[in-house]
Amino acid sequence: MDIQASAHAAALWAGLCLILLVVLAVLVTRQRRKHSVELGDGGVPALTRAIRAFGNATEYVPAALAGLALLALVGAPPLLIHPIGLILFVGRVLHAVGLSRSSAATLARAAGVLATWVSLIAMAAALIFYAFP
């Protein structure tokens, strides 16, 4: 198995997820400046949603990126890493969009959670499979 190709696949999704984190952080900063809130959410619903969208991403993305990196290290094929990375990334984007627009349950938010969990379960299953050579 070409570990370098696997690493390149994982690097793509890691890079995209990191860009997403930066975008979400910038959105928090924009809301803070717009509403002159330096700490906490100031009771501003839009800022609360931006903080939660960023916070939720930071809760899931690091573990998922570790999973992708480990898949690359054990030589999982890029054709396994790419779909998992895509599902993870799309899930995180959907969740962030859904949560940023409304604090109520939304289709985008639910689909984002489901996609994130599917990617994590797929990673876990693949890692367990590759743990036994």
Protein backbone atom coordinates (compact mmCIF):
# COMPACT_ATOMS: atom_id res chain seq x y z
CA MET A 1 0.00 0.00 0.00
CA ASP A 2 1.26 3.48 -0.88
CA ILE A 3 1.33 5.24 2.51
CA GLN A 4 2.34 8.50 0.84
CA ALA A 5 -0.86 8.51 -1.26
CA SER A 6 -2.85 7.77 1.88
CA ALA A 7 -1.13 10.62 3.70
CA HIS A 8 -1.93 12.98 0.84
CA ALA A 9 -5.60 11.98 1.02
CA ALA A 10 -5.70 12.59 4.78
CA ALA A 11 -3.83 15.88 4.33
CA LEU A 12 -6.48 17.18 1.94
CA TRP A 13 -9.32 16.66 4.42
CA ALA A 14 -7.27 17.84 7.37
CA GLY A 15 -6.42 21.03 5.50
CA LEU A 16 -10.04 21.67 4.54
CA CYS A 17 -11.25 21.03 8.10
CA LEU A 18 -8.62 23.41 9.47
CA ILE A 19 -9.73 26.10 7.02
CA LEU A 20 -13.29 25.53 8.23
CA LEU A 21 -12.15 26.08 11.82
CA VAL A 22 -10.49 29.36 10.84
CA VAL A 23 -13.63 30.51 8.99
CA LEU A 24 -15.78 29.70 12.02
CA ALA A 25 -13.34 31.54 14.32
CA VAL A 26 -13.47 34.60 12.04
CA LEU A 27 -17.28 34.52 12.16
CA VAL A 28 -17.13 34.58 15.97
CA THR A 29 -14.73 37.52 15.87
CA ARG A 30 -16.96 39.40 13.41
CA GLN A 31 -19.97 38.93 15.68
CA ARG A 32 -17.96 40.05 18.72
CA ARG A 33 -16.88 43.24 16.94
CA LYS A 34 -20.33 43.91 15.51
CA HIS A 35 -21.95 43.70 18.96
CA SER A 36 -18.98 45.01 21.02
CA VAL A 37 -18.76 41.84 23.10
CA GLU A 38 -15.29 40.91 24.32
CA LEU A 39 -16.08 37.94 26.57
CA GLY A 40 -18.91 35.45 26.51
CA ASP A 41 -21.89 35.94 24.23
CA GLY A 42 -23.29 39.17 25.70
CA GLY A 43 -26.79 37.73 25.34
CA VAL A 44 -26.56 38.18 21.56
CA PRO A 45 -28.22 35.19 19.86
CA ALA A 46 -26.15 35.50 16.66
CA LEU A 47 -22.94 35.50 18.70
CA THR A 48 -24.13 32.55 20.78
CA ARG A 49 -24.78 30.57 17.59
CA ALA A 50 -21.39 31.52 16.11
CA ILE A 51 -19.63 30.50 19.32
CA ARG A 52 -21.46 27.16 19.38
CA ALA A 53 -20.79 26.47 15.70
CA PHE A 54 -17.08 27.00 16.31
CA GLY A 55 -17.14 25.14 19.63
CA ASN A 56 -18.96 22.16 18.20
CA ALA A 57 -16.47 21.92 15.35
CA THR A 58 -13.57 22.04 17.81
CA GLU A 59 -15.19 19.21 19.75
CA TYR A 60 -15.34 16.85 16.76
CA VAL A 61 -12.67 17.87 14.25
CA PRO A 62 -9.49 17.12 16.27
CA ALA A 63 -10.46 13.51 17.00
CA ALA A 64 -11.59 13.04 13.41
CA LEU A 65 -8.31 14.40 12.06
CA ALA A 66 -6.41 12.05 14.35
CA GLY A 67 -8.48 9.20 12.94
CA LEU A 68 -7.72 10.23 9.37
CA ALA A 69 -4.02 10.52 10.17
CA LEU A 70 -3.98 7.08 11.75
CA LEU A 71 -5.77 5.62 8.74
CA ALA A 72 -3.02 7.05 6.56
CA LEU A 73 -0.31 5.69 8.87
CA VAL A 74 -1.71 2.17 8.76
CA GLY A 75 -1.87 2.35 4.98
CA ALA A 76 -5.62 2.56 4.44
CA PRO A 77 -6.19 3.26 0.75
CA PRO A 78 -7.01 6.78 -0.41
CA LEU A 79 -10.29 5.39 -1.79
CA LEU A 80 -11.29 4.74 1.84
CA ILE A 81 -9.86 7.96 3.28
CA HIS A 82 -11.40 10.30 0.69
CA PRO A 83 -15.06 9.30 1.21
CA ILE A 84 -14.68 9.41 4.98
CA GLY A 85 -12.97 12.80 4.79
CA LEU A 86 -15.62 14.13 2.42
CA ILE A 87 -18.48 12.97 4.65
CA LEU A 88 -16.77 14.50 7.68
CA PHE A 89 -16.12 17.83 5.97
CA VAL A 90 -19.58 18.13 4.45
CA GLY A 91 -21.08 17.18 7.79
CA ARG A 92 -19.15 19.85 9.64
CA VAL A 93 -20.06 22.50 7.04
CA LEU A 94 -23.75 21.55 7.13
CA HIS A 95 -23.81 21.62 10.92
CA ALA A 96 -22.08 24.99 11.07
CA VAL A 97 -24.42 26.51 8.49
CA GLY A 98 -27.51 25.10 10.20
CA LEU A 99 -26.44 26.25 13.65
CA SER A 100 -25.26 29.65 12.45
CA ARG A 101 -28.65 30.43 10.95
CA SER A 102 -30.92 29.19 13.76
CA SER A 103 -30.70 27.84 17.28
CA ALA A 104 -33.67 25.60 16.51
CA ALA A 105 -33.28 22.15 15.04
CA THR A 106 -32.71 22.45 11.29
CA LEU A 107 -32.34 19.93 8.50
CA ALA A 108 -28.79 21.14 7.79
CA ARG A 109 -27.81 20.79 11.43
CA ALA A 110 -29.31 17.29 11.74
CA ALA A 111 -27.71 16.16 8.47
CA GLY A 112 -24.39 17.58 9.66
CA VAL A 113 -24.53 15.66 12.92
CA LEU A 114 -25.50 12.46 11.13
CA ALA A 115 -22.72 12.84 8.55
CA THR A 116 -20.16 13.57 11.26
CA TRP A 117 -21.19 10.52 13.26
CA VAL A 118 -21.19 8.31 10.15
CA SER A 119 -17.65 9.44 9.34
CA LEU A 120 -16.49 8.78 12.91
CA ILE A 121 -18.07 5.32 12.95
CA ALA A 122 -16.53 4.51 9.55
CA MET A 123 -13.13 5.68 10.80
CA ALA A 124 -13.45 3.64 13.97
CA ALA A 125 -14.44 0.52 12.05
CA ALA A 126 -11.61 0.96 9.55
CA LEU A 127 -9.06 1.59 12.31
CA ILE A 128 -10.15 -1.54 14.15
CA PHE A 129 -9.98 -3.51 10.87
CA TYR A 130 -6.45 -2.24 10.14
CA ALA A 131 -5.34 -2.92 13.72
CA PHE A 132 -5.21 -6.64 12.88
CA PRO A 133 -2.72 -7.19 10.05
